[in-house]
Amino acid sequence: MGSAGKTINRIFRFYYDGFRTMSWWGNRVWIIILIKLFIMFLILRLFFFPDFLKVNFSNDRERSDYVLEQLTGNN
């Protein structure tokens, strides 16, 4: 295993051992964090951020033209 592989392995072992030996309170805090992330990224995205391109354009060509116009400012 090369130097990069050893470094990645050491980082993985560091976090793995840390989570494995975590206290009761630490586990609860991580559960709360994961629930919040779930709510923010999945639930809110579904209800408050609809797929604008899919709704307003019927094919990929129209979508890509619109995105290109928005990025370059060519109207």
C-alpha atoms as a PDB file:
ATOM      1  CA  MET A   1       0.000   0.000   0.000  1.00  0.00           C
ATOM      2  CA  GLY A   2       1.357   3.423  -0.938  1.00  0.00           C
ATOM      3  CA  SER A   3       1.602   6.525   1.173  1.00  0.00           C
ATOM      4  CA  ALA A   4      -1.838   7.761   0.125  1.00  0.00           C
ATOM      5  CA  GLY A   5      -3.392   4.395   0.982  1.00  0.00           C
ATOM      6  CA  LYS A   6      -1.814   4.416   4.441  1.00  0.00           C
ATOM      7  CA  THR A   7      -3.064   7.939   5.059  1.00  0.00           C
ATOM      8  CA  ILE A   8      -6.606   7.072   4.022  1.00  0.00           C
ATOM      9  CA  ASN A   9      -6.493   3.940   6.175  1.00  0.00           C
ATOM     10  CA  ARG A  10      -5.296   5.950   9.192  1.00  0.00           C
ATOM     11  CA  ILE A  11      -8.074   8.521   8.716  1.00  0.00           C
ATOM     12  CA  PHE A  12     -10.690   5.772   8.389  1.00  0.00           C
ATOM     13  CA  ARG A  13      -9.425   3.989  11.515  1.00  0.00           C
ATOM     14  CA  PHE A  14      -9.413   7.293  13.444  1.00  0.00           C
ATOM     15  CA  TYR A  15     -13.081   7.969  12.720  1.00  0.00           C
ATOM     16  CA  TYR A  16     -14.113   4.331  13.020  1.00  0.00           C
ATOM     17  CA  ASP A  17     -12.557   3.990  16.470  1.00  0.00           C
ATOM     18  CA  GLY A  18     -13.979   7.353  17.522  1.00  0.00           C
ATOM     19  CA  PHE A  19     -17.541   6.432  16.581  1.00  0.00           C
ATOM     20  CA  ARG A  20     -17.223   2.934  18.008  1.00  0.00           C
ATOM     21  CA  THR A  21     -16.111   4.171  21.434  1.00  0.00           C
ATOM     22  CA  MET A  22     -18.461   7.164  21.528  1.00  0.00           C
ATOM     23  CA  SER A  23     -20.473   7.794  24.672  1.00  0.00           C
ATOM     24  CA  TRP A  24     -24.241   7.621  24.968  1.00  0.00           C
ATOM     25  CA  TRP A  25     -24.518  11.409  24.574  1.00  0.00           C
ATOM     26  CA  GLY A  26     -22.330  11.411  21.492  1.00  0.00           C
ATOM     27  CA  ASN A  27     -24.548   8.831  19.819  1.00  0.00           C
ATOM     28  CA  ARG A  28     -27.642  10.914  20.540  1.00  0.00           C
ATOM     29  CA  VAL A  29     -26.024  14.058  19.143  1.00  0.00           C
ATOM     30  CA  TRP A  30     -25.115  12.253  15.902  1.00  0.00           C
ATOM     31  CA  ILE A  31     -28.657  10.921  15.596  1.00  0.00           C
ATOM     32  CA  ILE A  32     -30.010  14.478  15.924  1.00  0.00           C
ATOM     33  CA  ILE A  33     -27.511  15.735  13.330  1.00  0.00           C
ATOM     34  CA  LEU A  34     -28.497  12.991  10.860  1.00  0.00           C
ATOM     35  CA  ILE A  35     -32.208  13.686  11.363  1.00  0.00           C
ATOM     36  CA  LYS A  36     -31.627  17.406  10.727  1.00  0.00           C
ATOM     37  CA  LEU A  37     -29.642  16.670   7.575  1.00  0.00           C
ATOM     38  CA  PHE A  38     -32.386  14.338   6.369  1.00  0.00           C
ATOM     39  CA  ILE A  39     -34.999  17.047   6.897  1.00  0.00           C
ATOM     40  CA  MET A  40     -32.919  19.773   5.268  1.00  0.00           C
ATOM     41  CA  PHE A  41     -31.783  17.907   2.185  1.00  0.00           C
ATOM     42  CA  LEU A  42     -34.649  15.550   1.423  1.00  0.00           C
ATOM     43  CA  ILE A  43     -37.890  16.852   2.862  1.00  0.00           C
ATOM     44  CA  LEU A  44     -37.363  20.588   2.268  1.00  0.00           C
ATOM     45  CA  ARG A  45     -35.955  20.000  -1.207  1.00  0.00           C
ATOM     46  CA  LEU A  46     -38.999  18.005  -2.275  1.00  0.00           C
ATOM     47  CA  PHE A  47     -41.527  20.602  -1.142  1.00  0.00           C
ATOM     48  CA  PHE A  48     -39.791  23.963  -1.550  1.00  0.00           C
ATOM     49  CA  PHE A  49     -37.365  23.488  -4.440  1.00  0.00           C
ATOM     50  CA  PRO A  50     -39.160  21.979  -7.428  1.00  0.00           C
ATOM     51  CA  ASP A  51     -37.221  20.916 -10.509  1.00  0.00           C
ATOM     52  CA  PHE A  52     -37.469  24.209 -12.439  1.00  0.00           C
ATOM     53  CA  LEU A  53     -35.876  22.918 -15.623  1.00  0.00           C
ATOM     54  CA  LYS A  54     -37.969  19.755 -15.788  1.00  0.00           C
ATOM     55  CA  VAL A  55     -41.202  21.698 -15.267  1.00  0.00           C
ATOM     56  CA  ASN A  56     -40.534  24.555 -17.690  1.00  0.00           C
ATOM     57  CA  PHE A  57     -38.734  22.798 -20.547  1.00  0.00           C
ATOM     58  CA  SER A  58     -39.739  19.672 -22.421  1.00  0.00           C
ATOM     59  CA  ASN A  59     -36.353  18.330 -23.592  1.00  0.00           C
ATOM     60  CA  ASP A  60     -32.651  18.408 -22.765  1.00  0.00           C
ATOM     61  CA  ARG A  61     -31.807  20.750 -25.630  1.00  0.00           C
ATOM     62  CA  GLU A  62     -34.121  23.488 -24.317  1.00  0.00           C
ATOM     63  CA  ARG A  63     -32.810  22.999 -20.783  1.00  0.00           C
ATOM     64  CA  SER A  64     -29.176  23.239 -21.855  1.00  0.00           C
ATOM     65  CA  ASP A  65     -29.881  26.345 -23.979  1.00  0.00           C
ATOM     66  CA  TYR A  66     -31.575  28.028 -21.018  1.00  0.00           C
ATOM     67  CA  VAL A  67     -28.705  27.204 -18.635  1.00  0.00           C
ATOM     68  CA  LEU A  68     -26.141  28.434 -21.182  1.00  0.00           C
ATOM     69  CA  GLU A  69     -28.049  31.702 -21.597  1.00  0.00           C
ATOM     70  CA  GLN A  70     -28.201  32.196 -17.840  1.00  0.00           C
ATOM     71  CA  LEU A  71     -24.489  31.504 -17.373  1.00  0.00           C
ATOM     72  CA  THR A  72     -23.207  33.610 -20.264  1.00  0.00           C
ATOM     73  CA  GLY A  73     -25.790  36.397 -20.113  1.00  0.00           C
ATOM     74  CA  ASN A  74     -26.599  36.060 -23.844  1.00  0.00           C
ATOM     75  CA  ASN A  75     -30.316  36.693 -24.265  1.00  0.00           C
END
